[in-house]
Amino acid sequence: MTDKHMLDQPWPKQISLAITGASGAPYALRLLAQLVAADYQVFLMISSAAKVVFATEEGVQIPSGKEPAANWFIERFNAKQEQIVLCGKEDWFSPVASGSSAPKQMVICPCSTGTLSAVARGGCDNLIERAADVTIKERGQLILVPREMPLSTIHLENMLTLSKLGVTIMPAAPGFYHQPKTIDDLVDFVVARILDHLGIEQGLVNRWGYRQK
């Protein structure tokens, strides 16, 4: 392993976040912001299709090249140095590629049905698939946030396969009982539920049965 692959000492709190080509860029950006605010070190993986979705849904052009893109994320989210670690699709020396160093928690948000299928069959053709495979084999926490409708039998069977392995399937399906007024309110609902399952305190959405402060 060369120096360019080395990081400083591990942060007390670490998580892997993969963003794939399903619709749902606002969920990914909001979740990343919340993880940074919670002082997590985030190992970030972004597929090529996800970059297209970012441009389409958010008007965001992620810079080409690993270092410029990493700096863009750090500046956008006001993150500390090395708090957001951008990993390329074939960055096999990244900590997320090995069970000896990968974070114990991982979220794929949004999760395309193609990625869902690859993870369900144990595919490791790119770093996102490998990181998910590592999380499963190390008995870590893996959360997938698919955004697709309708769901085919293939999709449902893949979800069932993963659910039996302990993977949490959280479709991007916001509720309305909190009386959302904006699109941001709908985004926050989904992100809040993800944070709940990660065990991270959140103040995005009031909990059921409690009055608004």
C-alpha atoms as a PDB file:
ATOM      1  CA  MET A   1       0.000   0.000   0.000  1.00  0.00           C
ATOM      2  CA  THR A   2       1.504   3.336  -1.049  1.00  0.00           C
ATOM      3  CA  ASP A   3       1.381   6.590   0.887  1.00  0.00           C
ATOM      4  CA  LYS A   4      -1.331   8.018  -1.366  1.00  0.00           C
ATOM      5  CA  HIS A   5      -3.713   5.357  -0.060  1.00  0.00           C
ATOM      6  CA  MET A   6      -2.894   6.010   3.590  1.00  0.00           C
ATOM      7  CA  LEU A   7      -5.151   7.969   5.943  1.00  0.00           C
ATOM      8  CA  ASP A   8      -4.520   9.277   9.419  1.00  0.00           C
ATOM      9  CA  GLN A   9      -5.791   7.380  12.457  1.00  0.00           C
ATOM     10  CA  PRO A  10      -9.400   6.166  12.126  1.00  0.00           C
ATOM     11  CA  TRP A  11     -12.114   8.518  13.338  1.00  0.00           C
ATOM     12  CA  PRO A  12     -14.185   7.447  16.343  1.00  0.00           C
ATOM     13  CA  LYS A  13     -17.272   7.363  14.101  1.00  0.00           C
ATOM     14  CA  GLN A  14     -17.099   6.089  10.528  1.00  0.00           C
ATOM     15  CA  ILE A  15     -19.641   5.119   7.894  1.00  0.00           C
ATOM     16  CA  SER A  16     -19.707   4.181   4.220  1.00  0.00           C
ATOM     17  CA  LEU A  17     -22.136   5.999   1.919  1.00  0.00           C
ATOM     18  CA  ALA A  18     -22.700   4.907  -1.660  1.00  0.00           C
ATOM     19  CA  ILE A  19     -24.768   6.902  -4.130  1.00  0.00           C
ATOM     20  CA  THR A  20     -25.984   5.099  -7.233  1.00  0.00           C
ATOM     21  CA  GLY A  21     -28.008   5.995 -10.307  1.00  0.00           C
ATOM     22  CA  ALA A  22     -31.572   5.775  -9.015  1.00  0.00           C
ATOM     23  CA  SER A  23     -33.629   8.943  -8.736  1.00  0.00           C
ATOM     24  CA  GLY A  24     -33.139  10.568  -5.339  1.00  0.00           C
ATOM     25  CA  ALA A  25     -30.122  12.891  -5.354  1.00  0.00           C
ATOM     26  CA  PRO A  26     -31.744  15.174  -2.725  1.00  0.00           C
ATOM     27  CA  TYR A  27     -31.868  12.262  -0.283  1.00  0.00           C
ATOM     28  CA  ALA A  28     -28.166  11.578  -0.768  1.00  0.00           C
ATOM     29  CA  LEU A  29     -27.108  15.194  -0.317  1.00  0.00           C
ATOM     30  CA  ARG A  30     -29.248  15.678   2.782  1.00  0.00           C
ATOM     31  CA  LEU A  31     -28.016  12.440   4.328  1.00  0.00           C
ATOM     32  CA  LEU A  32     -24.395  13.333   3.679  1.00  0.00           C
ATOM     33  CA  ALA A  33     -24.908  16.732   5.285  1.00  0.00           C
ATOM     34  CA  GLN A  34     -26.397  15.114   8.378  1.00  0.00           C
ATOM     35  CA  LEU A  35     -23.576  12.582   8.680  1.00  0.00           C
ATOM     36  CA  VAL A  36     -20.972  15.340   8.478  1.00  0.00           C
ATOM     37  CA  ALA A  37     -22.857  17.388  11.062  1.00  0.00           C
ATOM     38  CA  ALA A  38     -22.889  14.322  13.347  1.00  0.00           C
ATOM     39  CA  ASP A  39     -19.072  14.230  13.072  1.00  0.00           C
ATOM     40  CA  TYR A  40     -18.849  10.989  11.103  1.00  0.00           C
ATOM     41  CA  GLN A  41     -16.022  10.271   8.741  1.00  0.00           C
ATOM     42  CA  VAL A  42     -17.761   9.317   5.512  1.00  0.00           C
ATOM     43  CA  PHE A  43     -16.249   6.995   2.925  1.00  0.00           C
ATOM     44  CA  LEU A  44     -18.123   8.237  -0.114  1.00  0.00           C
ATOM     45  CA  MET A  45     -18.662   6.246  -3.308  1.00  0.00           C
ATOM     46  CA  ILE A  46     -20.509   7.661  -6.312  1.00  0.00           C
ATOM     47  CA  SER A  47     -21.359   5.736  -9.460  1.00  0.00           C
ATOM     48  CA  SER A  48     -21.122   7.286 -12.919  1.00  0.00           C
ATOM     49  CA  ALA A  49     -24.892   7.097 -13.279  1.00  0.00           C
ATOM     50  CA  ALA A  50     -25.312   8.927  -9.972  1.00  0.00           C
ATOM     51  CA  LYS A  51     -23.344  11.870 -11.354  1.00  0.00           C
ATOM     52  CA  VAL A  52     -25.837  12.085 -14.221  1.00  0.00           C
ATOM     53  CA  VAL A  53     -28.708  12.039 -11.734  1.00  0.00           C
ATOM     54  CA  PHE A  54     -27.057  14.796  -9.681  1.00  0.00           C
ATOM     55  CA  ALA A  55     -26.851  16.990 -12.766  1.00  0.00           C
ATOM     56  CA  THR A  56     -30.439  16.213 -13.787  1.00  0.00           C
ATOM     57  CA  GLU A  57     -32.180  16.530 -10.413  1.00  0.00           C
ATOM     58  CA  GLU A  58     -30.020  19.065  -8.581  1.00  0.00           C
ATOM     59  CA  GLY A  59     -28.202  20.923 -11.348  1.00  0.00           C
ATOM     60  CA  VAL A  60     -24.976  19.820  -9.673  1.00  0.00           C
ATOM     61  CA  GLN A  61     -21.869  19.107 -11.706  1.00  0.00           C
ATOM     62  CA  ILE A  62     -19.394  17.079  -9.677  1.00  0.00           C
ATOM     63  CA  PRO A  63     -15.869  17.935 -10.852  1.00  0.00           C
ATOM     64  CA  SER A  64     -13.908  15.356 -12.800  1.00  0.00           C
ATOM     65  CA  GLY A  65     -10.985  13.770 -11.035  1.00  0.00           C
ATOM     66  CA  LYS A  66     -10.870  12.284  -7.574  1.00  0.00           C
ATOM     67  CA  GLU A  67      -9.099  15.142  -5.786  1.00  0.00           C
ATOM     68  CA  PRO A  68     -11.179  18.007  -7.272  1.00  0.00           C
ATOM     69  CA  ALA A  69     -14.374  16.077  -6.559  1.00  0.00           C
ATOM     70  CA  ALA A  70     -13.295  15.341  -2.979  1.00  0.00           C
ATOM     71  CA  ASN A  71     -12.485  19.014  -2.406  1.00  0.00           C
ATOM     72  CA  TRP A  72     -15.858  19.999  -3.849  1.00  0.00           C
ATOM     73  CA  PHE A  73     -17.692  17.818  -1.340  1.00  0.00           C
ATOM     74  CA  ILE A  74     -15.548  19.006   1.566  1.00  0.00           C
ATOM     75  CA  GLU A  75     -16.212  22.643   0.707  1.00  0.00           C
ATOM     76  CA  ARG A  76     -19.914  22.159   0.010  1.00  0.00           C
ATOM     77  CA  PHE A  77     -20.533  20.471   3.354  1.00  0.00           C
ATOM     78  CA  ASN A  78     -17.975  22.459   5.340  1.00  0.00           C
ATOM     79  CA  ALA A  79     -16.321  19.198   6.356  1.00  0.00           C
ATOM     80  CA  LYS A  80     -13.055  18.760   8.192  1.00  0.00           C
ATOM     81  CA  GLN A  81      -9.951  17.532   6.426  1.00  0.00           C
ATOM     82  CA  GLU A  82     -10.297  13.800   5.628  1.00  0.00           C
ATOM     83  CA  GLN A  83     -13.870  13.790   6.973  1.00  0.00           C
ATOM     84  CA  ILE A  84     -15.206  12.985   3.507  1.00  0.00           C
ATOM     85  CA  VAL A  85     -13.036  10.368   1.812  1.00  0.00           C
ATOM     86  CA  LEU A  86     -14.004   9.970  -1.845  1.00  0.00           C
ATOM     87  CA  CYS A  87     -13.345   6.457  -3.151  1.00  0.00           C
ATOM     88  CA  GLY A  88     -13.146   5.575  -6.828  1.00  0.00           C
ATOM     89  CA  LYS A  89     -15.002   2.603  -8.276  1.00  0.00           C
ATOM     90  CA  GLU A  90     -11.771   0.588  -8.468  1.00  0.00           C
ATOM     91  CA  ASP A  91     -10.042   1.988  -5.396  1.00  0.00           C
ATOM     92  CA  TRP A  92      -9.310  -1.463  -4.020  1.00  0.00           C
ATOM     93  CA  PHE A  93      -6.879  -0.065  -1.429  1.00  0.00           C
ATOM     94  CA  SER A  94      -9.673   1.899   0.231  1.00  0.00           C
ATOM     95  CA  PRO A  95     -10.527   0.805   3.798  1.00  0.00           C
ATOM     96  CA  VAL A  96     -14.066  -0.106   2.670  1.00  0.00           C
ATOM     97  CA  ALA A  97     -12.680  -2.899   0.478  1.00  0.00           C
ATOM     98  CA  SER A  98     -11.445  -4.979   3.408  1.00  0.00           C
ATOM     99  CA  GLY A  99     -13.221  -6.478   6.381  1.00  0.00           C
ATOM    100  CA  SER A 100     -10.227  -5.587   8.542  1.00  0.00           C
ATOM    101  CA  SER A 101     -10.848  -1.862   8.213  1.00  0.00           C
ATOM    102  CA  ALA A 102     -14.269  -1.163   6.702  1.00  0.00           C
ATOM    103  CA  PRO A 103     -16.803   0.808   8.755  1.00  0.00           C
ATOM    104  CA  LYS A 104     -19.453  -1.355  10.399  1.00  0.00           C
ATOM    105  CA  GLN A 105     -22.269   0.716   8.905  1.00  0.00           C
ATOM    106  CA  MET A 106     -23.058   1.382   5.253  1.00  0.00           C
ATOM    107  CA  VAL A 107     -25.909   3.070   3.413  1.00  0.00           C
ATOM    108  CA  ILE A 108     -26.614   2.967  -0.319  1.00  0.00           C
ATOM    109  CA  CYS A 109     -28.849   5.969  -0.974  1.00  0.00           C
ATOM    110  CA  PRO A 110     -30.405   5.997  -3.437  1.00  0.00           C
ATOM    111  CA  CYS A 111     -29.912   2.387  -4.442  1.00  0.00           C
ATOM    112  CA  SER A 112     -30.547   1.463  -8.065  1.00  0.00           C
ATOM    113  CA  THR A 113     -32.154  -1.874  -8.830  1.00  0.00           C
ATOM    114  CA  GLY A 114     -28.976  -2.827 -10.687  1.00  0.00           C
ATOM    115  CA  THR A 115     -26.918  -2.298  -7.543  1.00  0.00           C
ATOM    116  CA  LEU A 116     -29.584  -4.096  -5.526  1.00  0.00           C
ATOM    117  CA  SER A 117     -29.284  -7.098  -7.834  1.00  0.00           C
ATOM    118  CA  ALA A 118     -25.477  -7.128  -7.698  1.00  0.00           C
ATOM    119  CA  VAL A 119     -25.415  -6.964  -3.895  1.00  0.00           C
ATOM    120  CA  ALA A 120     -28.026  -9.735  -3.642  1.00  0.00           C
ATOM    121  CA  ARG A 121     -25.905 -12.090  -5.764  1.00  0.00           C
ATOM    122  CA  GLY A 122     -22.618 -11.161  -4.096  1.00  0.00           C
ATOM    123  CA  GLY A 123     -21.225  -9.219  -7.034  1.00  0.00           C
ATOM    124  CA  CYS A 124     -17.959  -7.353  -6.463  1.00  0.00           C
ATOM    125  CA  ASP A 125     -17.355  -5.772  -9.870  1.00  0.00           C
ATOM    126  CA  ASN A 126     -16.827  -2.297  -8.418  1.00  0.00           C
ATOM    127  CA  LEU A 127     -16.050  -0.779  -5.029  1.00  0.00           C
ATOM    128  CA  ILE A 128     -19.692  -0.095  -4.120  1.00  0.00           C
ATOM    129  CA  GLU A 129     -20.575  -3.760  -4.592  1.00  0.00           C
ATOM    130  CA  ARG A 130     -17.436  -4.888  -2.770  1.00  0.00           C
ATOM    131  CA  ALA A 131     -18.084  -2.535   0.168  1.00  0.00           C
ATOM    132  CA  ALA A 132     -21.634  -3.850   0.498  1.00  0.00           C
ATOM    133  CA  ASP A 133     -20.368  -7.430   0.305  1.00  0.00           C
ATOM    134  CA  VAL A 134     -17.823  -6.692   3.039  1.00  0.00           C
ATOM    135  CA  THR A 135     -20.493  -5.151   5.263  1.00  0.00           C
ATOM    136  CA  ILE A 136     -22.677  -8.246   4.919  1.00  0.00           C
ATOM    137  CA  LYS A 137     -19.909 -10.764   5.483  1.00  0.00           C
ATOM    138  CA  GLU A 138     -18.613  -8.875   8.526  1.00  0.00           C
ATOM    139  CA  ARG A 139     -22.132  -8.858  10.006  1.00  0.00           C
ATOM    140  CA  GLY A 140     -22.301  -5.078   9.841  1.00  0.00           C
ATOM    141  CA  GLN A 141     -25.318  -2.851   9.247  1.00  0.00           C
ATOM    142  CA  LEU A 142     -26.275  -2.319   5.614  1.00  0.00           C
ATOM    143  CA  ILE A 143     -29.186  -0.078   4.634  1.00  0.00           C
ATOM    144  CA  LEU A 144     -30.447   0.113   1.050  1.00  0.00           C
ATOM    145  CA  VAL A 145     -32.741   2.936  -0.071  1.00  0.00           C
ATOM    146  CA  PRO A 146     -34.257   1.851  -3.407  1.00  0.00           C
ATOM    147  CA  ARG A 147     -36.310   4.292  -5.474  1.00  0.00           C
ATOM    148  CA  GLU A 148     -38.235   2.455  -8.142  1.00  0.00           C
ATOM    149  CA  MET A 149     -41.880   1.857  -9.038  1.00  0.00           C
ATOM    150  CA  PRO A 150     -43.505  -0.420  -9.750  1.00  0.00           C
ATOM    151  CA  LEU A 151     -41.339  -3.187  -8.349  1.00  0.00           C
ATOM    152  CA  SER A 152     -40.970  -6.337 -10.415  1.00  0.00           C
ATOM    153  CA  THR A 153     -40.835  -9.831  -8.983  1.00  0.00           C
ATOM    154  CA  ILE A 154     -37.092  -9.771  -9.596  1.00  0.00           C
ATOM    155  CA  HIS A 155     -36.718  -6.635  -7.465  1.00  0.00           C
ATOM    156  CA  LEU A 156     -38.856  -8.074  -4.687  1.00  0.00           C
ATOM    157  CA  GLU A 157     -37.000 -11.389  -4.666  1.00  0.00           C
ATOM    158  CA  ASN A 158     -33.667  -9.576  -4.474  1.00  0.00           C
ATOM    159  CA  MET A 159     -34.959  -7.500  -1.552  1.00  0.00           C
ATOM    160  CA  LEU A 160     -36.210 -10.653   0.193  1.00  0.00           C
ATOM    161  CA  THR A 161     -32.829 -12.327  -0.280  1.00  0.00           C
ATOM    162  CA  LEU A 162     -31.050  -9.375   1.309  1.00  0.00           C
ATOM    163  CA  SER A 163     -33.599  -8.968   4.079  1.00  0.00           C
ATOM    164  CA  LYS A 164     -32.997 -12.582   5.094  1.00  0.00           C
ATOM    165  CA  LEU A 165     -29.305 -11.684   5.432  1.00  0.00           C
ATOM    166  CA  GLY A 166     -30.116  -8.863   7.832  1.00  0.00           C
ATOM    167  CA  VAL A 167     -29.974  -6.022   5.316  1.00  0.00           C
ATOM    168  CA  THR A 168     -32.467  -3.227   5.978  1.00  0.00           C
ATOM    169  CA  ILE A 169     -34.531  -2.239   2.940  1.00  0.00           C
ATOM    170  CA  MET A 170     -35.887   1.306   3.266  1.00  0.00           C
ATOM    171  CA  PRO A 171     -37.709   2.392   0.095  1.00  0.00           C
ATOM    172  CA  ALA A 172     -37.698   6.146  -0.428  1.00  0.00           C
ATOM    173  CA  ALA A 173     -41.374   6.437   0.493  1.00  0.00           C
ATOM    174  CA  PRO A 174     -42.012   9.562   2.580  1.00  0.00           C
ATOM    175  CA  GLY A 175     -45.026   9.753   4.869  1.00  0.00           C
ATOM    176  CA  PHE A 176     -47.456  12.631   5.073  1.00  0.00           C
ATOM    177  CA  TYR A 177     -48.693  12.507   8.648  1.00  0.00           C
ATOM    178  CA  HIS A 178     -46.241  15.253   9.593  1.00  0.00           C
ATOM    179  CA  GLN A 179     -48.044  17.534   7.100  1.00  0.00           C
ATOM    180  CA  PRO A 180     -45.125  18.379   4.822  1.00  0.00           C
ATOM    181  CA  LYS A 181     -45.213  21.807   3.206  1.00  0.00           C
ATOM    182  CA  THR A 182     -42.181  21.559   0.919  1.00  0.00           C
ATOM    183  CA  ILE A 183     -40.148  19.024  -1.018  1.00  0.00           C
ATOM    184  CA  ASP A 184     -37.450  19.446   1.624  1.00  0.00           C
ATOM    185  CA  ASP A 185     -39.937  18.216   4.231  1.00  0.00           C
ATOM    186  CA  LEU A 186     -40.469  15.028   2.221  1.00  0.00           C
ATOM    187  CA  VAL A 187     -36.725  14.534   1.808  1.00  0.00           C
ATOM    188  CA  ASP A 188     -36.167  15.077   5.530  1.00  0.00           C
ATOM    189  CA  PHE A 189     -38.746  12.417   6.387  1.00  0.00           C
ATOM    190  CA  VAL A 190     -36.810   9.711   4.560  1.00  0.00           C
ATOM    191  CA  VAL A 191     -33.418  10.896   5.791  1.00  0.00           C
ATOM    192  CA  ALA A 192     -34.706  11.056   9.366  1.00  0.00           C
ATOM    193  CA  ARG A 193     -35.808   7.418   9.199  1.00  0.00           C
ATOM    194  CA  ILE A 194     -32.379   6.401   7.875  1.00  0.00           C
ATOM    195  CA  LEU A 195     -30.692   8.258  10.731  1.00  0.00           C
ATOM    196  CA  ASP A 196     -33.012   6.574  13.218  1.00  0.00           C
ATOM    197  CA  HIS A 197     -31.921   3.158  12.012  1.00  0.00           C
ATOM    198  CA  LEU A 198     -28.270   4.185  12.167  1.00  0.00           C
ATOM    199  CA  GLY A 199     -28.723   5.251  15.774  1.00  0.00           C
ATOM    200  CA  ILE A 200     -27.927   8.890  15.006  1.00  0.00           C
ATOM    201  CA  GLU A 201     -29.886  11.614  16.761  1.00  0.00           C
ATOM    202  CA  GLN A 202     -31.912  13.733  14.369  1.00  0.00           C
ATOM    203  CA  GLY A 203     -34.104  16.784  14.628  1.00  0.00           C
ATOM    204  CA  LEU A 204     -35.403  16.785  11.076  1.00  0.00           C
ATOM    205  CA  VAL A 205     -38.852  15.345  11.770  1.00  0.00           C
ATOM    206  CA  ASN A 206     -40.951  15.198  14.932  1.00  0.00           C
ATOM    207  CA  ARG A 207     -41.475  11.732  16.295  1.00  0.00           C
ATOM    208  CA  TRP A 208     -44.922  10.169  16.178  1.00  0.00           C
ATOM    209  CA  GLY A 209     -47.052  11.116  19.184  1.00  0.00           C
ATOM    210  CA  TYR A 210     -45.019  14.176  20.181  1.00  0.00           C
ATOM    211  CA  ARG A 211     -46.014  17.798  19.685  1.00  0.00           C
ATOM    212  CA  GLN A 212     -43.918  20.109  17.578  1.00  0.00           C
ATOM    213  CA  LYS A 213     -41.486  22.168  19.671  1.00  0.00           C
END
